[in-house]
């Protein structure tokens, strides 16, 4: 499992730039508190995002992807953008701990 040392060792090298996945016209807010997008309910029609809040800033988008993976709320869908984000997170986590399983 993750420990503080391994997390610190790799966290600086994990650069999550979801804009490489998102629709080219999508723009995050300047900060998570600069937005009124606070909803944490999982979308039925995800369209690249699990929740309204995941649209605030890239780090919250990554956190929502991780949250849905770790709580087993993710199911592979036809949402290509979201599936790419999920695979990105899984790939980076496997580099920190290759025994970790969702």
N, C-alpha and C. Protein backbone atom coordinates (compact mmCIF):
# COMPACT_ATOMS: atom_id res chain seq x y z
N UNK A 1 0.85 -1.19 0.00
CA UNK A 1 0.00 0.00 0.00
C UNK A 1 0.89 1.23 0.00
N UNK A 2 0.29 2.38 -0.19
CA UNK A 2 1.04 3.62 -0.25
C UNK A 2 1.54 4.00 1.14
N UNK A 3 2.79 4.43 1.19
CA UNK A 3 3.28 4.99 2.44
C UNK A 3 3.79 6.39 2.14
N UNK A 4 4.08 7.14 3.17
CA UNK A 4 4.45 8.54 3.00
C UNK A 4 5.70 8.70 2.15
N UNK A 5 6.68 7.84 2.33
CA UNK A 5 7.93 7.95 1.58
C UNK A 5 7.72 7.71 0.09
N UNK A 6 7.01 6.65 -0.25
CA UNK A 6 6.79 6.36 -1.67
C UNK A 6 5.90 7.42 -2.31
N UNK A 7 4.94 7.92 -1.56
CA UNK A 7 4.05 8.94 -2.11
C UNK A 7 4.83 10.21 -2.39
N UNK A 8 5.67 10.63 -1.46
CA UNK A 8 6.48 11.83 -1.67
C UNK A 8 7.45 11.66 -2.82
N UNK A 9 8.03 10.47 -2.90
CA UNK A 9 9.03 10.19 -3.93
C UNK A 9 8.45 10.37 -5.33
N UNK A 10 7.20 9.99 -5.52
CA UNK A 10 6.61 10.02 -6.85
C UNK A 10 5.65 11.18 -7.10
N UNK A 11 5.15 11.80 -6.07
CA UNK A 11 4.10 12.80 -6.28
C UNK A 11 4.56 13.98 -7.13
N UNK A 12 5.82 14.37 -7.01
CA UNK A 12 6.31 15.48 -7.82
C UNK A 12 6.44 15.10 -9.29
N UNK A 13 6.51 13.81 -9.58
CA UNK A 13 6.66 13.35 -10.96
C UNK A 13 5.34 13.00 -11.64
N UNK A 14 4.25 13.09 -10.90
CA UNK A 14 2.95 12.78 -11.48
C UNK A 14 2.28 14.09 -11.86
N UNK A 15 2.36 14.40 -13.09
CA UNK A 15 1.77 15.62 -13.61
C UNK A 15 0.47 15.27 -14.31
N UNK A 16 -0.62 15.68 -13.72
CA UNK A 16 -1.93 15.39 -14.29
C UNK A 16 -2.38 16.61 -15.07
N UNK A 17 -2.38 16.49 -16.37
CA UNK A 17 -2.87 17.56 -17.22
C UNK A 17 -4.08 17.03 -17.98
N UNK A 18 -5.25 17.10 -17.37
CA UNK A 18 -6.43 16.53 -18.01
C UNK A 18 -6.82 17.24 -19.29
N UNK A 19 -6.23 18.40 -19.55
CA UNK A 19 -6.56 19.09 -20.80
C UNK A 19 -6.14 18.28 -22.01
N UNK A 20 -5.21 17.35 -21.83
CA UNK A 20 -4.86 16.49 -22.96
C UNK A 20 -5.98 15.50 -23.25
N UNK A 21 -6.87 15.30 -22.27
CA UNK A 21 -8.01 14.41 -22.43
C UNK A 21 -9.30 15.16 -22.73
N UNK A 22 -9.48 16.32 -22.08
CA UNK A 22 -10.75 17.05 -22.16
C UNK A 22 -11.01 17.61 -23.55
N UNK A 23 -12.28 17.90 -23.80
CA UNK A 23 -12.68 18.58 -25.02
C UNK A 23 -11.89 19.89 -25.11
N UNK A 24 -11.45 20.24 -26.29
CA UNK A 24 -10.58 21.41 -26.46
C UNK A 24 -11.26 22.72 -26.06
N UNK A 25 -12.58 22.76 -26.01
CA UNK A 25 -13.31 23.97 -25.63
C UNK A 25 -13.57 24.08 -24.14
N UNK A 26 -13.22 23.03 -23.38
CA UNK A 26 -13.47 23.07 -21.93
C UNK A 26 -12.39 23.89 -21.24
N UNK A 27 -12.80 24.67 -20.23
CA UNK A 27 -11.85 25.45 -19.43
C UNK A 27 -12.20 25.29 -17.95
N UNK A 28 -11.17 24.97 -17.15
CA UNK A 28 -11.34 24.91 -15.71
C UNK A 28 -11.45 26.32 -15.14
N UNK A 29 -11.94 26.40 -13.90
CA UNK A 29 -11.97 27.67 -13.18
C UNK A 29 -10.54 28.02 -12.75
N UNK A 30 -10.33 29.24 -12.31
CA UNK A 30 -9.00 29.64 -11.85
C UNK A 30 -8.63 28.98 -10.53
N UNK A 31 -9.63 28.67 -9.71
CA UNK A 31 -9.39 27.97 -8.44
C UNK A 31 -10.67 27.24 -8.05
N UNK A 32 -10.56 26.27 -7.17
CA UNK A 32 -11.75 25.48 -6.82
C UNK A 32 -12.79 26.31 -6.09
N UNK A 33 -12.36 27.33 -5.34
CA UNK A 33 -13.32 28.18 -4.64
C UNK A 33 -13.78 29.35 -5.51
N UNK A 34 -13.25 29.46 -6.71
CA UNK A 34 -13.66 30.52 -7.65
C UNK A 34 -14.84 30.06 -8.50
N UNK A 35 -15.37 28.91 -8.19
CA UNK A 35 -16.42 28.32 -9.00
C UNK A 35 -17.64 28.00 -8.15
N UNK A 36 -18.78 27.99 -8.78
CA UNK A 36 -20.01 27.58 -8.09
C UNK A 36 -20.29 26.11 -8.36
N UNK A 37 -19.35 25.42 -9.00
CA UNK A 37 -19.51 23.99 -9.31
C UNK A 37 -19.12 23.17 -8.08
N UNK A 38 -20.07 22.93 -7.22
CA UNK A 38 -19.77 22.28 -5.95
C UNK A 38 -20.41 20.90 -5.81
N UNK A 39 -21.22 20.50 -6.77
CA UNK A 39 -21.94 19.24 -6.65
C UNK A 39 -21.03 18.03 -6.67
N UNK A 40 -21.27 17.11 -5.75
CA UNK A 40 -20.47 15.89 -5.66
C UNK A 40 -21.24 14.63 -6.07
N UNK A 41 -22.47 14.81 -6.52
CA UNK A 41 -23.24 13.66 -7.00
C UNK A 41 -22.66 13.19 -8.32
N UNK A 42 -22.53 11.89 -8.48
CA UNK A 42 -21.98 11.33 -9.71
C UNK A 42 -22.97 11.52 -10.85
N UNK A 43 -22.46 12.06 -11.93
CA UNK A 43 -23.29 12.27 -13.13
C UNK A 43 -23.74 10.94 -13.71
N UNK A 44 -24.95 10.93 -14.26
CA UNK A 44 -25.40 9.79 -15.05
C UNK A 44 -24.72 9.84 -16.41
N UNK A 45 -24.73 11.02 -17.02
CA UNK A 45 -24.07 11.26 -18.30
C UNK A 45 -22.76 11.97 -17.99
N UNK A 46 -21.69 11.21 -17.86
CA UNK A 46 -20.42 11.75 -17.36
C UNK A 46 -19.77 12.77 -18.28
N UNK A 47 -19.74 12.54 -19.57
CA UNK A 47 -19.16 13.48 -20.52
C UNK A 47 -17.78 14.00 -20.08
N UNK A 48 -16.92 13.07 -19.63
CA UNK A 48 -15.55 13.43 -19.27
C UNK A 48 -15.32 13.74 -17.80
N UNK A 49 -16.38 13.84 -17.01
CA UNK A 49 -16.26 14.22 -15.61
C UNK A 49 -17.20 13.39 -14.76
N UNK A 50 -16.73 12.99 -13.58
CA UNK A 50 -17.59 12.23 -12.66
C UNK A 50 -18.62 13.12 -11.98
N UNK A 51 -18.19 14.32 -11.58
CA UNK A 51 -19.06 15.21 -10.81
C UNK A 51 -18.93 16.64 -11.33
N UNK A 52 -19.84 17.46 -10.87
CA UNK A 52 -19.76 18.89 -11.19
C UNK A 52 -18.46 19.48 -10.61
N UNK A 53 -18.13 19.08 -9.39
CA UNK A 53 -16.94 19.60 -8.71
C UNK A 53 -15.65 19.26 -9.46
N UNK A 54 -15.64 18.13 -10.16
CA UNK A 54 -14.42 17.75 -10.89
C UNK A 54 -14.13 18.70 -12.04
N UNK A 55 -15.06 19.57 -12.35
CA UNK A 55 -14.86 20.56 -13.41
C UNK A 55 -14.20 21.85 -12.90
N UNK A 56 -13.93 21.93 -11.60
CA UNK A 56 -13.39 23.18 -11.06
C UNK A 56 -11.94 23.40 -11.46
N UNK A 57 -11.04 22.49 -11.08
CA UNK A 57 -9.61 22.62 -11.39
C UNK A 57 -9.04 21.22 -11.65
N UNK A 58 -7.90 21.14 -12.34
CA UNK A 58 -7.33 19.83 -12.67
C UNK A 58 -7.09 18.92 -11.47
N UNK A 59 -6.61 19.47 -10.36
CA UNK A 59 -6.33 18.60 -9.20
C UNK A 59 -7.60 18.01 -8.62
N UNK A 60 -8.70 18.75 -8.67
CA UNK A 60 -9.98 18.21 -8.18
C UNK A 60 -10.53 17.18 -9.17
N UNK A 61 -10.27 17.38 -10.44
CA UNK A 61 -10.66 16.40 -11.44
C UNK A 61 -9.94 15.08 -11.15
N UNK A 62 -8.62 15.16 -10.92
CA UNK A 62 -7.83 13.97 -10.61
C UNK A 62 -8.32 13.33 -9.31
N UNK A 63 -8.63 14.15 -8.33
CA UNK A 63 -9.09 13.63 -7.03
C UNK A 63 -10.42 12.90 -7.17
N UNK A 64 -11.31 13.43 -7.99
CA UNK A 64 -12.61 12.78 -8.20
C UNK A 64 -12.44 11.46 -8.96
N UNK A 65 -11.53 11.42 -9.91
CA UNK A 65 -11.25 10.15 -10.62
C UNK A 65 -10.74 9.13 -9.61
N UNK A 66 -9.76 9.52 -8.80
CA UNK A 66 -9.21 8.62 -7.79
C UNK A 66 -10.30 8.17 -6.81
N UNK A 67 -11.10 9.11 -6.36
CA UNK A 67 -12.17 8.79 -5.41
C UNK A 67 -13.13 7.75 -5.97
N UNK A 68 -13.50 7.89 -7.23
CA UNK A 68 -14.42 6.93 -7.84
C UNK A 68 -13.76 5.57 -8.04
N UNK A 69 -12.47 5.57 -8.28
CA UNK A 69 -11.76 4.30 -8.42
C UNK A 69 -11.64 3.59 -7.08
N UNK A 70 -11.23 4.30 -6.07
CA UNK A 70 -10.92 3.70 -4.77
C UNK A 70 -12.19 3.24 -4.05
N UNK A 71 -13.32 3.88 -4.35
CA UNK A 71 -14.57 3.49 -3.70
C UNK A 71 -15.40 2.56 -4.59
N UNK A 72 -14.79 2.11 -5.67
CA UNK A 72 -15.42 1.14 -6.58
C UNK A 72 -16.71 1.67 -7.22
N UNK A 73 -16.76 2.99 -7.45
CA UNK A 73 -17.92 3.59 -8.11
C UNK A 73 -17.70 3.79 -9.60
N UNK A 74 -16.53 3.40 -10.09
CA UNK A 74 -16.25 3.55 -11.52
C UNK A 74 -16.59 2.27 -12.26
N UNK A 75 -17.29 2.43 -13.35
CA UNK A 75 -17.55 1.31 -14.25
C UNK A 75 -17.20 1.79 -15.64
N UNK A 76 -16.44 0.98 -16.36
CA UNK A 76 -16.03 1.35 -17.70
C UNK A 76 -17.26 1.69 -18.54
N UNK A 77 -17.21 2.82 -19.18
CA UNK A 77 -18.34 3.30 -19.97
C UNK A 77 -17.88 3.62 -21.39
N UNK A 78 -18.76 4.18 -22.15
CA UNK A 78 -18.42 4.64 -23.49
C UNK A 78 -17.81 6.03 -23.47
N UNK A 79 -17.57 6.57 -22.28
CA UNK A 79 -17.00 7.91 -22.14
C UNK A 79 -15.48 7.82 -22.33
N UNK A 80 -15.03 8.05 -23.53
CA UNK A 80 -13.62 7.91 -23.87
C UNK A 80 -12.73 8.85 -23.06
N UNK A 81 -13.18 10.07 -22.83
CA UNK A 81 -12.39 11.04 -22.06
C UNK A 81 -12.19 10.52 -20.64
N UNK A 82 -13.26 10.12 -20.00
CA UNK A 82 -13.18 9.63 -18.63
C UNK A 82 -12.36 8.34 -18.55
N UNK A 83 -12.53 7.46 -19.49
CA UNK A 83 -11.74 6.22 -19.50
C UNK A 83 -10.25 6.51 -19.63
N UNK A 84 -9.89 7.51 -20.41
CA UNK A 84 -8.47 7.88 -20.53
C UNK A 84 -7.93 8.43 -19.22
N UNK A 85 -8.72 9.24 -18.53
CA UNK A 85 -8.29 9.77 -17.23
C UNK A 85 -8.09 8.64 -16.23
N UNK A 86 -9.02 7.68 -16.23
CA UNK A 86 -8.93 6.53 -15.33
C UNK A 86 -7.66 5.74 -15.62
N UNK A 87 -7.39 5.47 -16.87
CA UNK A 87 -6.19 4.70 -17.23
C UNK A 87 -4.93 5.45 -16.87
N UNK A 88 -4.93 6.76 -17.02
CA UNK A 88 -3.79 7.59 -16.63
C UNK A 88 -3.50 7.44 -15.14
N UNK A 89 -4.55 7.57 -14.32
CA UNK A 89 -4.39 7.45 -12.86
C UNK A 89 -3.92 6.05 -12.50
N UNK A 90 -4.51 5.03 -13.07
CA UNK A 90 -4.10 3.65 -12.78
C UNK A 90 -2.64 3.42 -13.14
N UNK A 91 -2.24 3.94 -14.28
CA UNK A 91 -0.85 3.79 -14.72
C UNK A 91 0.11 4.46 -13.74
N UNK A 92 -0.20 5.66 -13.32
CA UNK A 92 0.68 6.39 -12.39
C UNK A 92 0.71 5.71 -11.04
N UNK A 93 -0.43 5.21 -10.55
CA UNK A 93 -0.45 4.51 -9.27
C UNK A 93 0.36 3.23 -9.32
N UNK A 94 0.34 2.54 -10.45
CA UNK A 94 1.11 1.30 -10.56
C UNK A 94 2.60 1.57 -10.51
N UNK A 95 3.02 2.78 -10.87
CA UNK A 95 4.44 3.13 -10.78
C UNK A 95 4.87 3.40 -9.33
N UNK A 96 3.90 3.78 -8.51
CA UNK A 96 4.18 3.99 -7.09
C UNK A 96 4.15 2.66 -6.34
N UNK A 97 3.14 1.85 -6.66
CA UNK A 97 2.99 0.57 -5.99
C UNK A 97 2.39 -0.43 -6.98
N UNK A 98 3.23 -1.29 -7.54
CA UNK A 98 2.75 -2.20 -8.57
C UNK A 98 1.91 -3.35 -8.01
N UNK A 99 1.74 -3.42 -6.71
CA UNK A 99 0.86 -4.45 -6.13
C UNK A 99 -0.52 -3.90 -5.82
N UNK A 100 -0.69 -2.60 -5.98
CA UNK A 100 -1.98 -1.98 -5.67
C UNK A 100 -3.04 -2.44 -6.65
N UNK A 101 -4.22 -2.79 -6.13
CA UNK A 101 -5.33 -3.21 -6.96
C UNK A 101 -6.57 -2.44 -6.60
N UNK A 102 -7.37 -2.15 -7.61
CA UNK A 102 -8.64 -1.48 -7.39
C UNK A 102 -9.71 -2.53 -7.24
